[in-house]
Amino acid sequence: MNQSTSQKGFIAPLLLIIGLILCLVLIGFFSQNIKHAYEPVNPTVPIPDDVIVSADTDSPTANDIVCGIIVETPADNQSISSPLVIQGYVNGCGWQASSNGIAYVGLYSASGTPLTTEIPVSVLGGGTTTTTSFVTTLVYPDTTSSLSGYLLFRNADDSSRTYKRDVKY
C-alpha cells in the first residue's frame, strides 16, 4: 500500500511539470508565428506585377500580405553580369513548388528577343508550407555596352502566368 501511494504522489507532479513545459512550448510557437505575420514588407524588394496584395489599393502597406513570386536579386533595373545568380521565393497565388518545379527563367532584350534559353529555377531547401525559396544561375554572353532587357519568369505549372524583371546587361 505504501508503494502505490508514493507512486501516485510522484506521477501527479511529474504530469504537472510536463504539462507546463508543453504550454510554454506552444506559447513560444504561436508568438513567433504572430511576430512573422506582421513584419513589414521589405521596401528594397519591388513588388512584382503578378502578385496579389491583401488590400483595396495597389500600394501595399506594412501590414499587407504580398503573395506570388518575389525576386530578391537582381534588383529591378540593376546592372547584371554573367553568370547571374537569381534568388527569391514564391508564396502562393499560383506560384508554388510542384513536381514540375517553380518556374523557368530566361534573359530577353528590350525588344523581346531571347538572349538565353529558359532554364528551370531550382528549389532551395525544402521550403515551408507557405514559402519556397529558389536560386538559379543564368549564364549568357556578356557585353561591354550597357543594354537593357528583362528576365522573364514563366510559371512551371501555368505557362500563361509570367513575371518580368527589368535589368541592364
N, C-alpha and C. Protein backbone atom coordinates (compact mmCIF):
# COMPACT_ATOMS: atom_id res chain seq x y z
N MET A 1 0.80 -1.19 0.00
CA MET A 1 0.00 0.00 0.00
C MET A 1 0.84 1.26 0.00
N ASN A 2 1.87 1.27 0.76
CA ASN A 2 2.73 2.44 0.82
C ASN A 2 3.41 2.70 -0.52
N GLN A 3 3.74 1.63 -1.24
CA GLN A 3 4.41 1.79 -2.51
C GLN A 3 3.48 2.43 -3.55
N SER A 4 2.22 2.02 -3.65
CA SER A 4 1.29 2.61 -4.62
C SER A 4 0.95 4.04 -4.25
N THR A 5 0.90 4.37 -2.99
CA THR A 5 0.63 5.74 -2.56
C THR A 5 1.80 6.64 -2.94
N SER A 6 3.01 6.17 -2.80
CA SER A 6 4.17 7.01 -3.15
C SER A 6 4.28 7.18 -4.67
N GLN A 7 3.85 6.18 -5.45
CA GLN A 7 3.88 6.33 -6.91
C GLN A 7 2.85 7.34 -7.36
N LYS A 8 1.68 7.36 -6.77
CA LYS A 8 0.66 8.35 -7.11
C LYS A 8 1.15 9.75 -6.76
N GLY A 9 1.85 9.89 -5.66
CA GLY A 9 2.38 11.18 -5.27
C GLY A 9 3.50 11.65 -6.18
N PHE A 10 4.16 10.75 -6.89
CA PHE A 10 5.25 11.09 -7.79
C PHE A 10 4.73 11.42 -9.20
N ILE A 11 3.69 10.71 -9.65
CA ILE A 11 3.17 10.86 -11.01
C ILE A 11 2.44 12.20 -11.18
N ALA A 12 1.68 12.62 -10.22
CA ALA A 12 0.92 13.87 -10.35
C ALA A 12 1.84 15.07 -10.56
N PRO A 13 2.87 15.29 -9.75
CA PRO A 13 3.76 16.44 -10.02
C PRO A 13 4.51 16.30 -11.35
N LEU A 14 4.87 15.07 -11.73
CA LEU A 14 5.55 14.86 -13.00
C LEU A 14 4.66 15.26 -14.17
N LEU A 15 3.41 14.86 -14.14
CA LEU A 15 2.46 15.24 -15.19
C LEU A 15 2.23 16.74 -15.21
N LEU A 16 2.20 17.38 -14.07
CA LEU A 16 2.04 18.83 -13.98
C LEU A 16 3.23 19.54 -14.63
N ILE A 17 4.44 19.07 -14.38
CA ILE A 17 5.64 19.67 -14.96
C ILE A 17 5.65 19.50 -16.47
N ILE A 18 5.31 18.30 -16.95
CA ILE A 18 5.26 18.05 -18.39
C ILE A 18 4.21 18.95 -19.05
N GLY A 19 3.07 19.12 -18.43
CA GLY A 19 2.01 19.99 -18.95
C GLY A 19 2.47 21.43 -19.04
N LEU A 20 3.16 21.93 -18.03
CA LEU A 20 3.67 23.30 -18.05
C LEU A 20 4.70 23.49 -19.16
N ILE A 21 5.56 22.53 -19.35
CA ILE A 21 6.56 22.62 -20.41
C ILE A 21 5.89 22.66 -21.78
N LEU A 22 4.89 21.83 -22.00
CA LEU A 22 4.16 21.84 -23.28
C LEU A 22 3.45 23.16 -23.50
N CYS A 23 2.87 23.73 -22.45
CA CYS A 23 2.21 25.04 -22.58
C CYS A 23 3.21 26.12 -22.98
N LEU A 24 4.38 26.13 -22.39
CA LEU A 24 5.40 27.12 -22.73
C LEU A 24 5.89 26.96 -24.17
N VAL A 25 6.03 25.73 -24.61
CA VAL A 25 6.44 25.49 -26.00
C VAL A 25 5.37 26.01 -26.96
N LEU A 26 4.12 25.74 -26.70
CA LEU A 26 3.03 26.22 -27.56
C LEU A 26 2.95 27.74 -27.57
N ILE A 27 3.11 28.37 -26.43
CA ILE A 27 3.08 29.84 -26.36
C ILE A 27 4.23 30.41 -27.19
N GLY A 28 5.42 29.84 -27.09
CA GLY A 28 6.56 30.29 -27.88
C GLY A 28 6.33 30.12 -29.36
N PHE A 29 5.75 28.99 -29.75
CA PHE A 29 5.48 28.72 -31.16
C PHE A 29 4.51 29.74 -31.74
N PHE A 30 3.41 29.99 -31.06
CA PHE A 30 2.41 30.92 -31.58
C PHE A 30 2.91 32.36 -31.55
N SER A 31 3.69 32.73 -30.56
CA SER A 31 4.19 34.11 -30.53
C SER A 31 5.17 34.35 -31.67
N GLN A 32 5.97 33.36 -32.06
CA GLN A 32 6.88 33.50 -33.20
C GLN A 32 6.10 33.63 -34.50
N ASN A 33 5.05 32.83 -34.69
CA ASN A 33 4.26 32.90 -35.91
C ASN A 33 3.53 34.22 -36.03
N ILE A 34 3.01 34.74 -34.96
CA ILE A 34 2.31 36.02 -34.99
C ILE A 34 3.31 37.14 -35.29
N LYS A 35 4.50 37.08 -34.72
CA LYS A 35 5.53 38.09 -34.95
C LYS A 35 5.88 38.16 -36.44
N HIS A 36 6.07 37.00 -37.11
CA HIS A 36 6.43 36.98 -38.51
C HIS A 36 5.28 37.40 -39.41
N ALA A 37 4.06 37.18 -39.00
CA ALA A 37 2.91 37.52 -39.84
C ALA A 37 2.75 39.03 -39.99
N TYR A 38 3.25 39.81 -39.04
CA TYR A 38 3.07 41.25 -39.08
C TYR A 38 4.35 42.01 -39.37
N GLU A 39 5.39 41.34 -39.85
CA GLU A 39 6.61 42.03 -40.23
C GLU A 39 6.34 42.84 -41.48
N PRO A 40 6.93 44.04 -41.59
CA PRO A 40 6.68 44.87 -42.77
C PRO A 40 7.29 44.27 -44.02
N VAL A 41 6.71 44.62 -45.16
CA VAL A 41 7.24 44.20 -46.44
C VAL A 41 8.58 44.88 -46.65
N ASN A 42 9.58 44.16 -47.15
CA ASN A 42 10.90 44.72 -47.38
C ASN A 42 10.80 45.82 -48.44
N PRO A 43 11.07 47.10 -48.07
CA PRO A 43 10.89 48.18 -49.03
C PRO A 43 11.91 48.16 -50.17
N THR A 44 13.02 47.44 -50.04
CA THR A 44 14.01 47.40 -51.10
C THR A 44 13.66 46.38 -52.18
N VAL A 45 12.74 45.49 -51.91
CA VAL A 45 12.34 44.48 -52.89
C VAL A 45 11.06 44.97 -53.57
N PRO A 46 11.14 45.30 -54.86
CA PRO A 46 9.93 45.77 -55.54
C PRO A 46 8.88 44.67 -55.60
N ILE A 47 7.64 45.08 -55.59
CA ILE A 47 6.55 44.12 -55.63
C ILE A 47 6.23 43.81 -57.08
N PRO A 48 6.31 42.53 -57.47
CA PRO A 48 6.06 42.16 -58.86
C PRO A 48 4.64 42.49 -59.30
N ASP A 49 4.47 42.58 -60.63
CA ASP A 49 3.15 42.83 -61.17
C ASP A 49 2.22 41.66 -60.95
N ASP A 50 2.77 40.45 -60.86
CA ASP A 50 1.96 39.24 -60.75
C ASP A 50 1.83 38.77 -59.31
N VAL A 51 1.49 39.70 -58.42
CA VAL A 51 1.25 39.34 -57.02
C VAL A 51 -0.11 39.86 -56.61
N ILE A 52 -0.61 39.33 -55.55
CA ILE A 52 -1.88 39.79 -55.02
C ILE A 52 -1.62 40.41 -53.67
N VAL A 53 -2.10 41.62 -53.49
CA VAL A 53 -1.93 42.34 -52.23
C VAL A 53 -3.27 42.31 -51.52
N SER A 54 -3.24 42.00 -50.22
CA SER A 54 -4.49 41.84 -49.48
C SER A 54 -5.02 43.17 -48.98
N ALA A 55 -5.09 44.14 -49.86
CA ALA A 55 -5.66 45.45 -49.51
C ALA A 55 -6.50 45.92 -50.69
N ASP A 56 -7.26 47.00 -50.49
CA ASP A 56 -8.10 47.52 -51.56
C ASP A 56 -7.32 48.41 -52.53
N THR A 57 -6.06 48.70 -52.22
CA THR A 57 -5.26 49.57 -53.07
C THR A 57 -4.15 48.76 -53.74
N ASP A 58 -3.51 49.35 -54.74
CA ASP A 58 -2.39 48.69 -55.40
C ASP A 58 -1.09 48.88 -54.63
N SER A 59 -1.06 49.83 -53.71
CA SER A 59 0.16 50.09 -52.94
C SER A 59 0.07 49.39 -51.60
N PRO A 60 0.93 48.41 -51.37
CA PRO A 60 0.87 47.70 -50.10
C PRO A 60 1.43 48.53 -48.96
N THR A 61 0.91 48.30 -47.78
CA THR A 61 1.45 48.93 -46.58
C THR A 61 2.14 47.86 -45.76
N ALA A 62 2.70 48.25 -44.62
CA ALA A 62 3.50 47.32 -43.82
C ALA A 62 2.69 46.12 -43.35
N ASN A 63 1.38 46.25 -43.19
CA ASN A 63 0.58 45.15 -42.67
C ASN A 63 -0.07 44.30 -43.76
N ASP A 64 0.11 44.67 -45.03
CA ASP A 64 -0.47 43.89 -46.12
C ASP A 64 0.38 42.65 -46.38
N ILE A 65 -0.24 41.63 -46.88
CA ILE A 65 0.45 40.38 -47.21
C ILE A 65 0.56 40.32 -48.72
N VAL A 66 1.80 40.16 -49.21
CA VAL A 66 2.06 40.09 -50.63
C VAL A 66 2.34 38.64 -50.99
N CYS A 67 1.72 38.15 -52.05
CA CYS A 67 1.99 36.77 -52.45
C CYS A 67 2.22 36.69 -53.94
N GLY A 68 2.89 35.64 -54.35
CA GLY A 68 3.25 35.43 -55.74
C GLY A 68 4.71 35.05 -55.83
N ILE A 69 5.41 35.58 -56.83
CA ILE A 69 6.85 35.35 -56.96
C ILE A 69 7.55 36.64 -56.56
N ILE A 70 8.51 36.52 -55.66
CA ILE A 70 9.27 37.66 -55.18
C ILE A 70 10.73 37.42 -55.56
N VAL A 71 11.27 38.27 -56.44
CA VAL A 71 12.66 38.15 -56.86
C VAL A 71 13.47 39.14 -56.02
N GLU A 72 14.36 38.61 -55.19
CA GLU A 72 15.17 39.46 -54.31
C GLU A 72 16.42 39.96 -55.00
N THR A 73 17.08 39.10 -55.80
CA THR A 73 18.23 39.53 -56.59
C THR A 73 18.10 38.92 -57.97
N PRO A 74 18.36 39.67 -59.00
CA PRO A 74 18.82 41.05 -59.01
C PRO A 74 17.67 42.02 -58.76
N ALA A 75 18.03 43.21 -58.32
CA ALA A 75 17.03 44.25 -58.09
C ALA A 75 16.50 44.75 -59.44
N ASP A 76 15.37 45.42 -59.42
CA ASP A 76 14.77 45.97 -60.63
C ASP A 76 15.72 47.00 -61.25
N ASN A 77 15.96 46.90 -62.54
CA ASN A 77 16.85 47.79 -63.31
C ASN A 77 18.31 47.73 -62.88
N GLN A 78 18.70 46.68 -62.20
CA GLN A 78 20.09 46.53 -61.77
C GLN A 78 20.96 46.13 -62.96
N SER A 79 22.22 46.62 -62.98
CA SER A 79 23.18 46.17 -63.98
C SER A 79 23.69 44.80 -63.57
N ILE A 80 23.62 43.84 -64.49
CA ILE A 80 23.99 42.46 -64.18
C ILE A 80 25.15 42.03 -65.06
N SER A 81 25.81 40.96 -64.66
CA SER A 81 26.86 40.36 -65.48
C SER A 81 26.76 38.85 -65.37
N SER A 82 27.34 38.19 -66.37
CA SER A 82 27.28 36.73 -66.42
C SER A 82 28.45 36.13 -65.65
N PRO A 83 28.24 35.07 -64.90
CA PRO A 83 26.99 34.36 -64.61
C PRO A 83 26.16 35.13 -63.57
N LEU A 84 24.87 35.13 -63.77
CA LEU A 84 23.94 35.86 -62.91
C LEU A 84 23.27 34.90 -61.93
N VAL A 85 23.39 35.21 -60.64
CA VAL A 85 22.71 34.42 -59.61
C VAL A 85 21.38 35.10 -59.32
N ILE A 86 20.31 34.34 -59.48
CA ILE A 86 18.95 34.85 -59.27
C ILE A 86 18.39 34.17 -58.03
N GLN A 87 17.89 34.98 -57.07
CA GLN A 87 17.35 34.44 -55.82
C GLN A 87 16.02 35.08 -55.51
N GLY A 88 15.20 34.34 -54.78
CA GLY A 88 13.92 34.86 -54.35
C GLY A 88 13.09 33.76 -53.72
N TYR A 89 11.78 33.98 -53.72
CA TYR A 89 10.89 32.97 -53.16
C TYR A 89 9.50 33.11 -53.76
N VAL A 90 8.73 32.05 -53.64
CA VAL A 90 7.33 32.06 -54.04
C VAL A 90 6.51 31.74 -52.81
N ASN A 91 5.32 32.33 -52.74
CA ASN A 91 4.48 32.09 -51.57
C ASN A 91 3.00 32.09 -51.92
N GLY A 92 2.66 31.40 -52.98
CA GLY A 92 1.25 31.21 -53.29
C GLY A 92 0.76 32.06 -54.44
N CYS A 93 -0.55 32.23 -54.50
CA CYS A 93 -1.22 32.99 -55.57
C CYS A 93 -0.85 32.45 -56.95
N GLY A 94 -0.80 31.12 -57.07
CA GLY A 94 -0.48 30.50 -58.35
C GLY A 94 0.99 30.20 -58.54
N TRP A 95 1.83 30.65 -57.63
CA TRP A 95 3.27 30.39 -57.70
C TRP A 95 3.64 29.52 -56.51
N GLN A 96 3.98 28.26 -56.78
CA GLN A 96 4.41 27.36 -55.72
C GLN A 96 5.25 26.25 -56.33
N ALA A 97 5.99 25.58 -55.48
CA ALA A 97 6.79 24.44 -55.94
C ALA A 97 5.87 23.27 -56.21
N SER A 98 6.13 22.55 -57.28
CA SER A 98 5.35 21.35 -57.60
C SER A 98 6.29 20.33 -58.23
N SER A 99 5.75 19.26 -58.71
CA SER A 99 6.60 18.25 -59.35
C SER A 99 7.25 18.80 -60.62
N ASN A 100 6.66 19.84 -61.20
CA ASN A 100 7.23 20.47 -62.39
C ASN A 100 8.30 21.51 -62.03
N GLY A 101 8.48 21.80 -60.74
CA GLY A 101 9.41 22.85 -60.31
C GLY A 101 8.65 24.10 -59.92
N ILE A 102 9.32 25.23 -59.97
CA ILE A 102 8.68 26.51 -59.65
C ILE A 102 8.40 27.29 -60.91
N ALA A 103 9.48 27.53 -61.68
CA ALA A 103 9.37 28.37 -62.87
C ALA A 103 10.56 28.11 -63.77
N TYR A 104 10.52 28.76 -64.93
CA TYR A 104 11.64 28.80 -65.86
C TYR A 104 11.98 30.27 -66.05
N VAL A 105 13.27 30.57 -66.25
CA VAL A 105 13.68 31.96 -66.42
C VAL A 105 14.61 32.06 -67.62
N GLY A 106 14.49 33.18 -68.34
CA GLY A 106 15.36 33.45 -69.47
C GLY A 106 15.62 34.94 -69.56
N LEU A 107 16.70 35.31 -70.23
CA LEU A 107 17.06 36.72 -70.42
C LEU A 107 16.63 37.12 -71.82
N TYR A 108 15.96 38.29 -71.92
CA TYR A 108 15.46 38.80 -73.18
C TYR A 108 15.95 40.23 -73.38
N SER A 109 16.12 40.62 -74.66
CA SER A 109 16.46 42.01 -74.96
C SER A 109 15.22 42.86 -74.77
N ALA A 110 15.39 44.17 -74.78
CA ALA A 110 14.25 45.08 -74.61
C ALA A 110 13.21 44.88 -75.70
N SER A 111 13.63 44.43 -76.88
CA SER A 111 12.68 44.20 -77.98
C SER A 111 12.01 42.84 -77.90
N GLY A 112 12.39 42.01 -76.91
CA GLY A 112 11.75 40.70 -76.72
C GLY A 112 12.49 39.54 -77.35
N THR A 113 13.69 39.79 -77.89
CA THR A 113 14.49 38.72 -78.48
C THR A 113 15.13 37.90 -77.37
N PRO A 114 14.96 36.57 -77.39
CA PRO A 114 15.59 35.76 -76.34
C PRO A 114 17.11 35.76 -76.49
N LEU A 115 17.80 36.02 -75.39
CA LEU A 115 19.27 36.01 -75.38
C LEU A 115 19.78 34.69 -74.79
N THR A 116 18.93 33.98 -74.06
CA THR A 116 19.27 32.68 -73.50
C THR A 116 18.08 31.76 -73.68
N THR A 117 18.31 30.48 -73.53
CA THR A 117 17.18 29.56 -73.46
C THR A 117 16.66 29.62 -72.02
N GLU A 118 15.40 29.33 -71.85
CA GLU A 118 14.84 29.33 -70.49
C GLU A 118 15.38 28.14 -69.73
N ILE A 119 15.77 28.38 -68.48
CA ILE A 119 16.28 27.32 -67.62
C ILE A 119 15.38 27.18 -66.40
N PRO A 120 15.33 25.99 -65.79
CA PRO A 120 14.48 25.82 -64.60
C PRO A 120 15.05 26.58 -63.40
N VAL A 121 14.16 27.11 -62.61
CA VAL A 121 14.51 27.76 -61.35
C VAL A 121 14.55 26.66 -60.29
N SER A 122 15.65 26.57 -59.57
CA SER A 122 15.86 25.48 -58.61
C SER A 122 15.32 25.82 -57.23
N VAL A 123 14.63 24.85 -56.64
CA VAL A 123 14.13 25.00 -55.26
C VAL A 123 15.33 24.96 -54.33
N LEU A 124 15.36 25.88 -53.39
CA LEU A 124 16.45 25.96 -52.41
C LEU A 124 15.95 25.39 -51.10
N GLY A 125 16.43 24.21 -50.73
CA GLY A 125 15.99 23.56 -49.49
C GLY A 125 14.58 23.01 -49.66
N GLY A 126 13.98 22.68 -48.53
CA GLY A 126 12.66 22.07 -48.56
C GLY A 126 11.52 23.07 -48.57
N GLY A 127 11.78 24.32 -48.16
CA GLY A 127 10.71 25.30 -48.08
C GLY A 127 9.79 25.03 -46.91
N THR A 128 8.78 25.84 -46.79
CA THR A 128 7.77 25.66 -45.76
C THR A 128 6.45 25.44 -46.45
N THR A 129 5.39 25.36 -45.68
CA THR A 129 4.07 25.16 -46.29
C THR A 129 3.63 26.43 -47.00
N THR A 130 4.19 27.59 -46.67
CA THR A 130 3.75 28.83 -47.29
C THR A 130 4.78 29.46 -48.20
N THR A 131 6.07 29.23 -47.98
CA THR A 131 7.12 29.89 -48.74
C THR A 131 8.14 28.86 -49.22
N THR A 132 8.55 28.99 -50.49
CA THR A 132 9.60 28.15 -51.04
C THR A 132 10.64 29.07 -51.68
N SER A 133 11.87 28.99 -51.19
CA SER A 133 12.96 29.80 -51.74
C SER A 133 13.50 29.15 -53.00
N PHE A 134 14.07 30.00 -53.88
CA PHE A 134 14.68 29.47 -55.08
C PHE A 134 15.98 30.20 -55.37
N VAL A 135 16.84 29.53 -56.12
CA VAL A 135 18.10 30.11 -56.59
C VAL A 135 18.45 29.43 -57.90
N THR A 136 19.00 30.19 -58.83
CA THR A 136 19.46 29.62 -60.08
C THR A 136 20.54 30.52 -60.64
N THR A 137 21.38 29.96 -61.48
CA THR A 137 22.46 30.72 -62.11
C THR A 137 22.25 30.72 -63.61
N LEU A 138 22.17 31.91 -64.17
CA LEU A 138 21.92 32.08 -65.60
C LEU A 138 23.22 32.56 -66.25
N VAL A 139 23.68 31.83 -67.25
CA VAL A 139 24.90 32.19 -67.98
C VAL A 139 24.47 32.70 -69.35
N TYR A 140 25.04 33.84 -69.76
CA TYR A 140 24.70 34.43 -71.04
C TYR A 140 25.92 35.15 -71.59
N PRO A 141 25.93 35.46 -72.89
CA PRO A 141 27.07 36.19 -73.47
C PRO A 141 27.12 37.61 -72.91
N ASP A 142 28.20 37.92 -72.19
CA ASP A 142 28.35 39.25 -71.58
C ASP A 142 28.71 40.27 -72.66
N THR A 143 28.22 41.49 -72.51
CA THR A 143 28.55 42.55 -73.47
C THR A 143 29.29 43.66 -72.74
N THR A 144 30.01 44.48 -73.52
CA THR A 144 30.71 45.62 -72.92
C THR A 144 29.84 46.87 -72.94
N SER A 145 28.78 46.86 -73.72
CA SER A 145 27.88 48.01 -73.75
C SER A 145 26.76 47.81 -72.74
N SER A 146 26.15 48.89 -72.33
CA SER A 146 25.07 48.82 -71.35
C SER A 146 23.74 48.70 -72.09
N LEU A 147 23.25 47.49 -72.19
CA LEU A 147 21.99 47.23 -72.89
C LEU A 147 20.89 46.97 -71.88
N SER A 148 19.66 47.23 -72.29
CA SER A 148 18.51 46.98 -71.42
C SER A 148 17.75 45.77 -71.89
N GLY A 149 17.14 45.10 -70.95
CA GLY A 149 16.33 43.94 -71.26
C GLY A 149 15.56 43.52 -70.03
N TYR A 150 15.20 42.26 -69.97
CA TYR A 150 14.45 41.78 -68.82
C TYR A 150 14.63 40.29 -68.64
N LEU A 151 14.42 39.87 -67.40
CA LEU A 151 14.35 38.45 -67.06
C LEU A 151 12.88 38.08 -67.10
N LEU A 152 12.54 37.02 -67.78
CA LEU A 152 11.15 36.57 -67.84
C LEU A 152 11.03 35.26 -67.08
N PHE A 153 10.20 35.27 -66.05
CA PHE A 153 9.91 34.07 -65.26
C PHE A 153 8.58 33.51 -65.75
N ARG A 154 8.58 32.25 -66.14
CA ARG A 154 7.36 31.58 -66.62
C ARG A 154 7.02 30.48 -65.63
N ASN A 155 5.80 30.52 -65.09
CA ASN A 155 5.34 29.55 -64.10
C ASN A 155 5.43 28.14 -64.68
N ALA A 156 5.98 27.21 -63.89
CA ALA A 156 6.17 25.83 -64.36
C ALA A 156 4.85 25.10 -64.55
N ASP A 157 3.82 25.46 -63.78
CA ASP A 157 2.52 24.78 -63.89
C ASP A 157 1.55 25.49 -64.82
N ASP A 158 1.73 26.80 -65.02
CA ASP A 158 0.81 27.60 -65.83
C ASP A 158 1.64 28.57 -66.65
N SER A 159 1.99 28.18 -67.88
CA SER A 159 2.91 28.99 -68.70
C SER A 159 2.35 30.36 -69.06
N SER A 160 1.04 30.56 -68.90
CA SER A 160 0.48 31.89 -69.17
C SER A 160 0.77 32.86 -68.02
N ARG A 161 1.16 32.34 -66.87
CA ARG A 161 1.49 33.18 -65.71
C ARG A 161 2.98 33.50 -65.77
N THR A 162 3.29 34.78 -65.98
CA THR A 162 4.69 35.20 -66.10
C THR A 162 4.96 36.39 -65.20
N TYR A 163 6.24 36.64 -64.98
CA TYR A 163 6.70 37.82 -64.25
C TYR A 163 7.95 38.33 -64.93
N LYS A 164 8.02 39.64 -65.11
CA LYS A 164 9.12 40.26 -65.83
C LYS A 164 9.91 41.15 -64.88
N ARG A 165 11.24 41.02 -64.87
CA ARG A 165 12.13 41.86 -64.05
C ARG A 165 13.08 42.58 -65.00
N ASP A 166 12.99 43.92 -65.07
CA ASP A 166 13.86 44.72 -65.95
C ASP A 166 15.28 44.72 -65.41
N VAL A 167 16.26 44.57 -66.32
CA VAL A 167 17.68 44.57 -65.95
C VAL A 167 18.47 45.29 -67.04
N LYS A 168 19.71 45.63 -66.71
CA LYS A 168 20.68 46.14 -67.67
C LYS A 168 21.80 45.12 -67.72
N TYR A 169 22.26 44.80 -68.93
CA TYR A 169 23.31 43.79 -69.06
C TYR A 169 24.42 44.29 -69.97
